[in-house]
Amino acid sequence: MTTLHSNHIEAYLSQLGLPGKLGGLELVSQLQARHLAEFSFSSINALYGEFLSLQEADVFNRVITNREGGYCFEHNKIACMALAHLGFEVRPVLARVMLNGLDTNPRTHRVTLLTLAGCEYLVDVGFGVKTPILPLKIDSNHSVEQGGNEYLIERKAQAVKVSIRAPEHSDLYEVDLGIVYEGDCDVAHFYSHQHPEAGFVNNLVVSRIESGQRHLIRNLHYLFWNEHTGEHTQCDITGTQQLQGLLQEHFRLQVSMPVIEKIFAKVYERANQQR
């Protein structure tokens, strides 16, 4: 690893503020939870239409230094690199997203496969508001509660399916556990942020998860819920100043007004076409 990349990772780990003297699964768990709290999932750059380089320095600059947000191919690449830097055995894997109920979707979600003490785990910091907040052990079929969600893990020979069973029923994704190279991720990433019919090219999705509090922007709606208190709030987003304020206050994102104006106009036009 070059000094440049090492410096990026050390700066990232410093921003996470991980407690000292942690190791093993506890360290991975803290890294995952702190990443989800500190760095928001966002489709803003994909919706804006820019080509998003996955070169390590470019990814760290966008997501960590400039706080522009990002999606799975950015967030999970950063987490995978950081875990490898910390000495963990990790590699990328690709998954079919199944939120639309179809199991024939292309593999457009990047996750990190962790092998630790003879067990395998999925570490995910890039699936939006439904992202598991802790590593998921995938050696057998079982369910696990994390915060307000109950996740179901169904293990096959070379794949694992992850679903939510409570408080709602939703299939999330099926991970292919075969070998994946960064070039495979580059291809899926290109489709996900450049193809005219890709979801993130057409929809504004921003989320952040911290201490049981989940914030979500879905196109022209902002939603918040607290898993511990049951509090739910939501509001419509009616203008660019309001959107910028939400992004700064609840998602810790720094987005320029010209970018906000373009993505707001695109989402607003699309909403009107669908009426």
C-alpha atoms as a PDB file:
ATOM      1  CA  MET A   1       0.000   0.000   0.000  1.00  0.00           C
ATOM      2  CA  THR A   2       1.398   3.396  -0.976  1.00  0.00           C
ATOM      3  CA  THR A   3       1.993   6.109   1.600  1.00  0.00           C
ATOM      4  CA  LEU A   4      -0.698   8.228  -0.080  1.00  0.00           C
ATOM      5  CA  HIS A   5      -3.350   5.531   0.374  1.00  0.00           C
ATOM      6  CA  SER A   6      -2.136   4.760   3.887  1.00  0.00           C
ATOM      7  CA  ASN A   7      -2.508   8.438   4.806  1.00  0.00           C
ATOM      8  CA  HIS A   8      -6.058   8.491   3.427  1.00  0.00           C
ATOM      9  CA  ILE A   9      -6.991   5.459   5.514  1.00  0.00           C
ATOM     10  CA  GLU A  10      -5.415   6.828   8.681  1.00  0.00           C
ATOM     11  CA  ALA A  11      -7.337  10.094   8.208  1.00  0.00           C
ATOM     12  CA  TYR A  12     -10.551   8.117   7.712  1.00  0.00           C
ATOM     13  CA  LEU A  13      -9.975   6.027  10.846  1.00  0.00           C
ATOM     14  CA  SER A  14      -9.223   9.183  12.811  1.00  0.00           C
ATOM     15  CA  GLN A  15     -12.539  10.731  11.749  1.00  0.00           C
ATOM     16  CA  LEU A  16     -14.398   7.615  12.901  1.00  0.00           C
ATOM     17  CA  GLY A  17     -13.078   8.171  16.429  1.00  0.00           C
ATOM     18  CA  LEU A  18     -12.936   4.477  17.265  1.00  0.00           C
ATOM     19  CA  PRO A  19     -12.395   3.612  20.945  1.00  0.00           C
ATOM     20  CA  GLY A  20      -8.874   2.473  21.748  1.00  0.00           C
ATOM     21  CA  LYS A  21      -7.744  -1.065  22.556  1.00  0.00           C
ATOM     22  CA  LEU A  22     -10.343  -2.733  20.348  1.00  0.00           C
ATOM     23  CA  GLY A  23      -9.645  -5.822  18.255  1.00  0.00           C
ATOM     24  CA  GLY A  24     -11.317  -8.641  16.363  1.00  0.00           C
ATOM     25  CA  LEU A  25     -15.039  -8.540  15.688  1.00  0.00           C
ATOM     26  CA  GLU A  26     -15.575  -5.736  18.204  1.00  0.00           C
ATOM     27  CA  LEU A  27     -13.299  -3.453  16.187  1.00  0.00           C
ATOM     28  CA  VAL A  28     -15.055  -4.347  12.914  1.00  0.00           C
ATOM     29  CA  SER A  29     -18.459  -3.733  14.527  1.00  0.00           C
ATOM     30  CA  GLN A  30     -17.417  -0.323  15.821  1.00  0.00           C
ATOM     31  CA  LEU A  31     -15.976   0.641  12.438  1.00  0.00           C
ATOM     32  CA  GLN A  32     -19.196  -0.345  10.669  1.00  0.00           C
ATOM     33  CA  ALA A  33     -21.493   1.491  13.094  1.00  0.00           C
ATOM     34  CA  ARG A  34     -19.325   4.606  13.195  1.00  0.00           C
ATOM     35  CA  HIS A  35     -19.033   4.743   9.392  1.00  0.00           C
ATOM     36  CA  LEU A  36     -22.823   4.618   9.011  1.00  0.00           C
ATOM     37  CA  ALA A  37     -23.184   7.410  11.560  1.00  0.00           C
ATOM     38  CA  GLU A  38     -20.474   9.658  10.143  1.00  0.00           C
ATOM     39  CA  PHE A  39     -20.655   9.283   6.340  1.00  0.00           C
ATOM     40  CA  SER A  40     -24.003   9.399   4.588  1.00  0.00           C
ATOM     41  CA  PHE A  41     -25.226   7.193   1.787  1.00  0.00           C
ATOM     42  CA  SER A  42     -26.088   9.443  -1.158  1.00  0.00           C
ATOM     43  CA  SER A  43     -27.030   9.172  -4.824  1.00  0.00           C
ATOM     44  CA  ILE A  44     -26.463  12.913  -5.399  1.00  0.00           C
ATOM     45  CA  ASN A  45     -23.369  12.557  -7.573  1.00  0.00           C
ATOM     46  CA  ALA A  46     -24.916   9.777  -9.655  1.00  0.00           C
ATOM     47  CA  LEU A  47     -28.098  11.813 -10.110  1.00  0.00           C
ATOM     48  CA  TYR A  48     -26.052  14.885 -11.037  1.00  0.00           C
ATOM     49  CA  GLY A  49     -24.500  12.905 -13.883  1.00  0.00           C
ATOM     50  CA  GLU A  50     -20.774  13.066 -13.234  1.00  0.00           C
ATOM     51  CA  PHE A  51     -18.442  10.157 -13.946  1.00  0.00           C
ATOM     52  CA  LEU A  52     -17.293   8.889 -10.556  1.00  0.00           C
ATOM     53  CA  SER A  53     -13.767   7.512 -10.561  1.00  0.00           C
ATOM     54  CA  LEU A  54     -13.121   4.569  -8.230  1.00  0.00           C
ATOM     55  CA  GLN A  55      -9.409   5.324  -7.949  1.00  0.00           C
ATOM     56  CA  GLU A  56      -8.617   5.134  -4.251  1.00  0.00           C
ATOM     57  CA  ALA A  57      -7.592   8.779  -3.834  1.00  0.00           C
ATOM     58  CA  ASP A  58     -10.672   9.995  -5.731  1.00  0.00           C
ATOM     59  CA  VAL A  59     -13.053   7.926  -3.596  1.00  0.00           C
ATOM     60  CA  PHE A  60     -11.519   9.065  -0.311  1.00  0.00           C
ATOM     61  CA  ASN A  61     -11.535  12.693  -1.430  1.00  0.00           C
ATOM     62  CA  ARG A  62     -15.209  12.602  -2.440  1.00  0.00           C
ATOM     63  CA  VAL A  63     -16.635  10.685   0.498  1.00  0.00           C
ATOM     64  CA  ILE A  64     -14.298  11.395   3.408  1.00  0.00           C
ATOM     65  CA  THR A  65     -12.511  14.694   2.741  1.00  0.00           C
ATOM     66  CA  ASN A  66     -15.165  16.603   0.784  1.00  0.00           C
ATOM     67  CA  ARG A  67     -18.175  14.926   2.463  1.00  0.00           C
ATOM     68  CA  GLU A  68     -20.130  14.562  -0.768  1.00  0.00           C
ATOM     69  CA  GLY A  69     -21.669  11.235   0.256  1.00  0.00           C
ATOM     70  CA  GLY A  70     -21.572   8.123  -1.868  1.00  0.00           C
ATOM     71  CA  TYR A  71     -23.087   4.712  -2.482  1.00  0.00           C
ATOM     72  CA  CYS A  72     -21.986   1.100  -2.094  1.00  0.00           C
ATOM     73  CA  PHE A  73     -19.112   1.052  -4.588  1.00  0.00           C
ATOM     74  CA  GLU A  74     -17.565   3.990  -2.756  1.00  0.00           C
ATOM     75  CA  HIS A  75     -18.446   3.343   0.901  1.00  0.00           C
ATOM     76  CA  ASN A  76     -17.720  -0.375   0.890  1.00  0.00           C
ATOM     77  CA  LYS A  77     -14.468   0.083  -1.011  1.00  0.00           C
ATOM     78  CA  ILE A  78     -13.285   2.473   1.690  1.00  0.00           C
ATOM     79  CA  ALA A  79     -14.320   0.104   4.493  1.00  0.00           C
ATOM     80  CA  CYS A  80     -12.705  -2.881   2.762  1.00  0.00           C
ATOM     81  CA  MET A  81      -9.428  -1.017   2.321  1.00  0.00           C
ATOM     82  CA  ALA A  82      -9.473   0.164   5.930  1.00  0.00           C
ATOM     83  CA  LEU A  83     -10.129  -3.330   7.290  1.00  0.00           C
ATOM     84  CA  ALA A  84      -7.307  -4.740   5.168  1.00  0.00           C
ATOM     85  CA  HIS A  85      -5.059  -1.951   6.475  1.00  0.00           C
ATOM     86  CA  LEU A  86      -5.964  -3.020  10.022  1.00  0.00           C
ATOM     87  CA  GLY A  87      -4.880  -6.585   9.246  1.00  0.00           C
ATOM     88  CA  PHE A  88      -8.227  -8.272   8.608  1.00  0.00           C
ATOM     89  CA  GLU A  89      -8.827 -10.889   5.886  1.00  0.00           C
ATOM     90  CA  VAL A  90     -11.359  -9.219   3.605  1.00  0.00           C
ATOM     91  CA  ARG A  91     -12.350  -9.193  -0.063  1.00  0.00           C
ATOM     92  CA  PRO A  92     -15.141  -7.627  -2.120  1.00  0.00           C
ATOM     93  CA  VAL A  93     -18.228  -9.572  -3.213  1.00  0.00           C
ATOM     94  CA  LEU A  94     -21.173  -8.569  -5.410  1.00  0.00           C
ATOM     95  CA  ALA A  95     -24.882  -8.941  -4.732  1.00  0.00           C
ATOM     96  CA  ARG A  96     -28.192  -8.854  -6.574  1.00  0.00           C
ATOM     97  CA  VAL A  97     -30.446  -6.213  -5.000  1.00  0.00           C
ATOM     98  CA  MET A  98     -33.940  -7.653  -4.514  1.00  0.00           C
ATOM     99  CA  LEU A  99     -35.919  -4.711  -3.130  1.00  0.00           C
ATOM    100  CA  ASN A 100     -38.205  -4.799  -6.194  1.00  0.00           C
ATOM    101  CA  GLY A 101     -39.068  -8.465  -5.554  1.00  0.00           C
ATOM    102  CA  LEU A 102     -37.039  -9.793  -8.497  1.00  0.00           C
ATOM    103  CA  ASP A 103     -34.229 -12.308  -8.084  1.00  0.00           C
ATOM    104  CA  THR A 104     -32.995 -11.804 -11.670  1.00  0.00           C
ATOM    105  CA  ASN A 105     -31.576  -8.303 -11.173  1.00  0.00           C
ATOM    106  CA  PRO A 106     -27.921  -7.702 -12.109  1.00  0.00           C
ATOM    107  CA  ARG A 107     -25.293  -7.694  -9.376  1.00  0.00           C
ATOM    108  CA  THR A 108     -25.067  -3.987  -8.608  1.00  0.00           C
ATOM    109  CA  HIS A 109     -24.265  -3.970  -4.889  1.00  0.00           C
ATOM    110  CA  ARG A 110     -20.773  -4.231  -3.423  1.00  0.00           C
ATOM    111  CA  VAL A 111     -20.296  -5.789   0.035  1.00  0.00           C
ATOM    112  CA  THR A 112     -17.208  -6.846   2.016  1.00  0.00           C
ATOM    113  CA  LEU A 113     -16.669 -10.501   2.959  1.00  0.00           C
ATOM    114  CA  LEU A 114     -14.741 -10.850   6.226  1.00  0.00           C
ATOM    115  CA  THR A 115     -13.153 -14.120   7.365  1.00  0.00           C
ATOM    116  CA  LEU A 116     -12.336 -14.068  11.062  1.00  0.00           C
ATOM    117  CA  ALA A 117     -11.489 -16.933  13.425  1.00  0.00           C
ATOM    118  CA  GLY A 118     -12.767 -19.487  10.890  1.00  0.00           C
ATOM    119  CA  CYS A 119     -16.148 -17.743  10.405  1.00  0.00           C
ATOM    120  CA  GLU A 120     -17.453 -15.627   7.531  1.00  0.00           C
ATOM    121  CA  TYR A 121     -19.245 -12.296   7.918  1.00  0.00           C
ATOM    122  CA  LEU A 122     -20.744  -9.676   5.624  1.00  0.00           C
ATOM    123  CA  VAL A 123     -19.707  -6.117   6.421  1.00  0.00           C
ATOM    124  CA  ASP A 124     -21.867  -3.504   4.695  1.00  0.00           C
ATOM    125  CA  VAL A 125     -21.701   0.273   5.074  1.00  0.00           C
ATOM    126  CA  GLY A 126     -23.441   1.144   1.803  1.00  0.00           C
ATOM    127  CA  PHE A 127     -27.028  -0.078   1.495  1.00  0.00           C
ATOM    128  CA  GLY A 128     -28.879   3.021   2.538  1.00  0.00           C
ATOM    129  CA  VAL A 129     -31.320   3.226   5.402  1.00  0.00           C
ATOM    130  CA  LYS A 130     -31.801  -0.570   5.611  1.00  0.00           C
ATOM    131  CA  THR A 131     -28.074  -1.309   5.947  1.00  0.00           C
ATOM    132  CA  PRO A 132     -27.227  -3.748   8.779  1.00  0.00           C
ATOM    133  CA  ILE A 133     -25.387  -1.768  11.461  1.00  0.00           C
ATOM    134  CA  LEU A 134     -23.173  -4.691  12.533  1.00  0.00           C
ATOM    135  CA  PRO A 135     -21.418  -7.566  10.719  1.00  0.00           C
ATOM    136  CA  LEU A 136     -23.698 -10.442   9.708  1.00  0.00           C
ATOM    137  CA  LYS A 137     -22.403 -13.954  10.342  1.00  0.00           C
ATOM    138  CA  ILE A 138     -23.239 -16.050   7.282  1.00  0.00           C
ATOM    139  CA  ASP A 139     -22.034 -19.573   8.090  1.00  0.00           C
ATOM    140  CA  SER A 140     -25.586 -20.913   8.602  1.00  0.00           C
ATOM    141  CA  ASN A 141     -29.264 -20.056   8.320  1.00  0.00           C
ATOM    142  CA  HIS A 142     -30.367 -17.865  11.214  1.00  0.00           C
ATOM    143  CA  SER A 143     -31.954 -14.569  12.184  1.00  0.00           C
ATOM    144  CA  VAL A 144     -30.432 -11.746  14.191  1.00  0.00           C
ATOM    145  CA  GLU A 145     -31.807  -8.546  15.697  1.00  0.00           C
ATOM    146  CA  GLN A 146     -29.944  -5.305  15.119  1.00  0.00           C
ATOM    147  CA  GLY A 147     -31.560  -2.192  16.477  1.00  0.00           C
ATOM    148  CA  GLY A 148     -35.175  -2.219  15.335  1.00  0.00           C
ATOM    149  CA  ASN A 149     -34.631  -4.702  12.498  1.00  0.00           C
ATOM    150  CA  GLU A 150     -34.618  -8.493  12.437  1.00  0.00           C
ATOM    151  CA  TYR A 151     -32.421  -9.794   9.632  1.00  0.00           C
ATOM    152  CA  LEU A 152     -32.757 -13.269   8.141  1.00  0.00           C
ATOM    153  CA  ILE A 153     -29.648 -14.934   6.709  1.00  0.00           C
ATOM    154  CA  GLU A 154     -30.131 -17.859   4.319  1.00  0.00           C
ATOM    155  CA  ARG A 155     -26.878 -19.568   3.388  1.00  0.00           C
ATOM    156  CA  LYS A 156     -26.401 -21.588   0.219  1.00  0.00           C
ATOM    157  CA  ALA A 157     -23.230 -23.255  -1.064  1.00  0.00           C
ATOM    158  CA  GLN A 158     -21.828 -20.201  -2.851  1.00  0.00           C
ATOM    159  CA  ALA A 159     -24.368 -17.520  -2.011  1.00  0.00           C
ATOM    160  CA  VAL A 160     -26.161 -15.945   0.914  1.00  0.00           C
ATOM    161  CA  LYS A 161     -29.495 -14.119   0.935  1.00  0.00           C
ATOM    162  CA  VAL A 162     -30.139 -11.290   3.380  1.00  0.00           C
ATOM    163  CA  SER A 163     -33.694 -10.209   4.214  1.00  0.00           C
ATOM    164  CA  ILE A 164     -35.511  -8.144   6.813  1.00  0.00           C
ATOM    165  CA  ARG A 165     -38.277  -9.984   8.635  1.00  0.00           C
ATOM    166  CA  ALA A 166     -39.328  -7.306  11.161  1.00  0.00           C
ATOM    167  CA  PRO A 167     -40.686  -4.695  11.518  1.00  0.00           C
ATOM    168  CA  GLU A 168     -41.436  -5.254   7.827  1.00  0.00           C
ATOM    169  CA  HIS A 169     -40.782  -8.042   5.340  1.00  0.00           C
ATOM    170  CA  SER A 170     -38.272  -7.121   2.659  1.00  0.00           C
ATOM    171  CA  ASP A 171     -35.706  -9.136   0.698  1.00  0.00           C
ATOM    172  CA  LEU A 172     -32.557  -7.014   0.531  1.00  0.00           C
ATOM    173  CA  TYR A 173     -29.972  -8.824  -1.593  1.00  0.00           C
ATOM    174  CA  GLU A 174     -28.355 -12.132  -2.489  1.00  0.00           C
ATOM    175  CA  VAL A 175     -24.564 -12.160  -2.364  1.00  0.00           C
ATOM    176  CA  ASP A 176     -22.509 -14.306  -4.733  1.00  0.00           C
ATOM    177  CA  LEU A 177     -19.533 -15.508  -2.683  1.00  0.00           C
ATOM    178  CA  GLY A 178     -17.355 -16.229  -5.718  1.00  0.00           C
ATOM    179  CA  ILE A 179     -14.113 -14.385  -6.343  1.00  0.00           C
ATOM    180  CA  VAL A 180     -14.587 -10.745  -7.355  1.00  0.00           C
ATOM    181  CA  TYR A 181     -11.905  -8.408  -8.653  1.00  0.00           C
ATOM    182  CA  GLU A 182     -11.888  -4.627  -8.576  1.00  0.00           C
ATOM    183  CA  GLY A 183     -12.491  -4.706 -12.342  1.00  0.00           C
ATOM    184  CA  ASP A 184     -15.788  -6.519 -11.733  1.00  0.00           C
ATOM    185  CA  CYS A 185     -16.782  -3.759  -9.313  1.00  0.00           C
ATOM    186  CA  ASP A 186     -15.798  -1.122 -11.878  1.00  0.00           C
ATOM    187  CA  VAL A 187     -18.190  -2.627 -14.442  1.00  0.00           C
ATOM    188  CA  ALA A 188     -21.137  -2.814 -12.020  1.00  0.00           C
ATOM    189  CA  HIS A 189     -20.339   0.685 -10.737  1.00  0.00           C
ATOM    190  CA  PHE A 190     -20.332   2.101 -14.267  1.00  0.00           C
ATOM    191  CA  TYR A 191     -23.813   0.705 -14.930  1.00  0.00           C
ATOM    192  CA  SER A 192     -25.125   1.862 -11.557  1.00  0.00           C
ATOM    193  CA  HIS A 193     -24.193   5.518 -11.983  1.00  0.00           C
ATOM    194  CA  GLN A 194     -24.145   5.958 -15.794  1.00  0.00           C
ATOM    195  CA  HIS A 195     -26.909   3.839 -17.338  1.00  0.00           C
ATOM    196  CA  PRO A 196     -29.965   6.011 -18.090  1.00  0.00           C
ATOM    197  CA  GLU A 197     -32.321   3.493 -16.454  1.00  0.00           C
ATOM    198  CA  ALA A 198     -30.249   2.865 -13.313  1.00  0.00           C
ATOM    199  CA  GLY A 199     -32.051   3.641 -10.078  1.00  0.00           C
ATOM    200  CA  PHE A 200     -29.555   6.143  -8.699  1.00  0.00           C
ATOM    201  CA  VAL A 201     -29.388   8.016 -11.998  1.00  0.00           C
ATOM    202  CA  ASN A 202     -33.103   8.765 -11.623  1.00  0.00           C
ATOM    203  CA  ASN A 203     -33.775   8.950  -7.875  1.00  0.00           C
ATOM    204  CA  LEU A 204     -32.489  11.025  -4.994  1.00  0.00           C
ATOM    205  CA  VAL A 205     -31.687   8.720  -2.071  1.00  0.00           C
ATOM    206  CA  VAL A 206     -29.797   9.949   0.985  1.00  0.00           C
ATOM    207  CA  SER A 207     -29.579   8.209   4.370  1.00  0.00           C
ATOM    208  CA  ARG A 208     -27.694   8.160   7.660  1.00  0.00           C
ATOM    209  CA  ILE A 209     -27.985   5.814  10.649  1.00  0.00           C
ATOM    210  CA  GLU A 210     -26.791   6.724  14.138  1.00  0.00           C
ATOM    211  CA  SER A 211     -27.710   5.243  17.534  1.00  0.00           C
ATOM    212  CA  GLY A 212     -31.042   3.893  16.366  1.00  0.00           C
ATOM    213  CA  GLN A 213     -31.955   7.106  14.550  1.00  0.00           C
ATOM    214  CA  ARG A 214     -32.513   6.705  10.833  1.00  0.00           C
ATOM    215  CA  HIS A 215     -32.701   9.650   8.449  1.00  0.00           C
ATOM    216  CA  LEU A 216     -33.858   9.243   4.862  1.00  0.00           C
ATOM    217  CA  ILE A 217     -34.467  11.442   1.845  1.00  0.00           C
ATOM    218  CA  ARG A 218     -36.317   9.684  -0.932  1.00  0.00           C
ATOM    219  CA  ASN A 219     -36.783  12.067  -3.849  1.00  0.00           C
ATOM    220  CA  LEU A 220     -38.939  14.927  -2.494  1.00  0.00           C
ATOM    221  CA  HIS A 221     -39.653  13.451   0.949  1.00  0.00           C
ATOM    222  CA  TYR A 222     -37.655  13.509   4.184  1.00  0.00           C
ATOM    223  CA  LEU A 223     -38.352  10.817   6.803  1.00  0.00           C
ATOM    224  CA  PHE A 224     -36.961  10.267  10.289  1.00  0.00           C
ATOM    225  CA  TRP A 225     -37.606   7.505  12.809  1.00  0.00           C
ATOM    226  CA  ASN A 226     -36.138   6.576  16.151  1.00  0.00           C
ATOM    227  CA  GLU A 227     -36.009   2.839  16.815  1.00  0.00           C
ATOM    228  CA  HIS A 228     -35.817   3.346  20.578  1.00  0.00           C
ATOM    229  CA  THR A 229     -38.641   5.842  21.128  1.00  0.00           C
ATOM    230  CA  GLY A 230     -40.890   5.012  18.168  1.00  0.00           C
ATOM    231  CA  GLU A 231     -40.827   8.648  17.034  1.00  0.00           C
ATOM    232  CA  HIS A 232     -41.633   9.136  13.347  1.00  0.00           C
ATOM    233  CA  THR A 233     -41.618  12.395  11.394  1.00  0.00           C
ATOM    234  CA  GLN A 234     -41.767  13.246   7.713  1.00  0.00           C
ATOM    235  CA  CYS A 235     -42.096  16.254   5.471  1.00  0.00           C
ATOM    236  CA  ASP A 236     -42.221  17.158   1.800  1.00  0.00           C
ATOM    237  CA  ILE A 237     -39.218  18.905   0.268  1.00  0.00           C
ATOM    238  CA  THR A 238     -40.475  21.918  -1.656  1.00  0.00           C
ATOM    239  CA  GLY A 239     -37.370  23.945  -2.457  1.00  0.00           C
ATOM    240  CA  THR A 240     -33.613  24.007  -2.857  1.00  0.00           C
ATOM    241  CA  GLN A 241     -32.882  25.964   0.328  1.00  0.00           C
ATOM    242  CA  GLN A 242     -34.849  23.420   2.361  1.00  0.00           C
ATOM    243  CA  LEU A 243     -33.014  20.534   0.686  1.00  0.00           C
ATOM    244  CA  GLN A 244     -29.614  22.097   1.359  1.00  0.00           C
ATOM    245  CA  GLY A 245     -30.539  22.642   5.012  1.00  0.00           C
ATOM    246  CA  LEU A 246     -31.628  19.020   5.435  1.00  0.00           C
ATOM    247  CA  LEU A 247     -28.441  17.727   3.820  1.00  0.00           C
ATOM    248  CA  GLN A 248     -26.274  19.807   6.140  1.00  0.00           C
ATOM    249  CA  GLU A 249     -28.204  19.298   9.372  1.00  0.00           C
ATOM    250  CA  HIS A 250     -29.192  15.639   9.215  1.00  0.00           C
ATOM    251  CA  PHE A 251     -26.740  14.101   6.750  1.00  0.00           C
ATOM    252  CA  ARG A 252     -23.529  16.097   7.339  1.00  0.00           C
ATOM    253  CA  LEU A 253     -23.132  16.644   3.605  1.00  0.00           C
ATOM    254  CA  GLN A 254     -21.533  19.622   1.907  1.00  0.00           C
ATOM    255  CA  VAL A 255     -23.250  20.092  -1.458  1.00  0.00           C
ATOM    256  CA  SER A 256     -23.011  23.286  -3.504  1.00  0.00           C
ATOM    257  CA  MET A 257     -26.167  25.134  -4.455  1.00  0.00           C
ATOM    258  CA  PRO A 258     -25.644  24.658  -8.233  1.00  0.00           C
ATOM    259  CA  VAL A 259     -25.578  20.883  -7.701  1.00  0.00           C
ATOM    260  CA  ILE A 260     -28.642  21.034  -5.446  1.00  0.00           C
ATOM    261  CA  GLU A 261     -30.545  23.133  -7.982  1.00  0.00           C
ATOM    262  CA  LYS A 262     -29.819  20.640 -10.770  1.00  0.00           C
ATOM    263  CA  ILE A 263     -30.781  17.517  -8.829  1.00  0.00           C
ATOM    264  CA  PHE A 264     -33.890  19.177  -7.352  1.00  0.00           C
ATOM    265  CA  ALA A 265     -35.060  20.178 -10.841  1.00  0.00           C
ATOM    266  CA  LYS A 266     -34.450  16.663 -12.145  1.00  0.00           C
ATOM    267  CA  VAL A 267     -36.344  14.997  -9.298  1.00  0.00           C
ATOM    268  CA  TYR A 268     -39.164  17.568  -9.432  1.00  0.00           C
ATOM    269  CA  GLU A 269     -39.615  17.084 -13.172  1.00  0.00           C
ATOM    270  CA  ARG A 270     -39.645  13.318 -12.805  1.00  0.00           C
ATOM    271  CA  ALA A 271     -42.243  13.509 -10.023  1.00  0.00           C
ATOM    272  CA  ASN A 272     -44.513  15.624 -12.202  1.00  0.00           C
ATOM    273  CA  GLN A 273     -44.167  13.193 -15.116  1.00  0.00           C
ATOM    274  CA  GLN A 274     -45.295  10.334 -12.888  1.00  0.00           C
ATOM    275  CA  ARG A 275     -48.475  12.063 -11.727  1.00  0.00           C
END
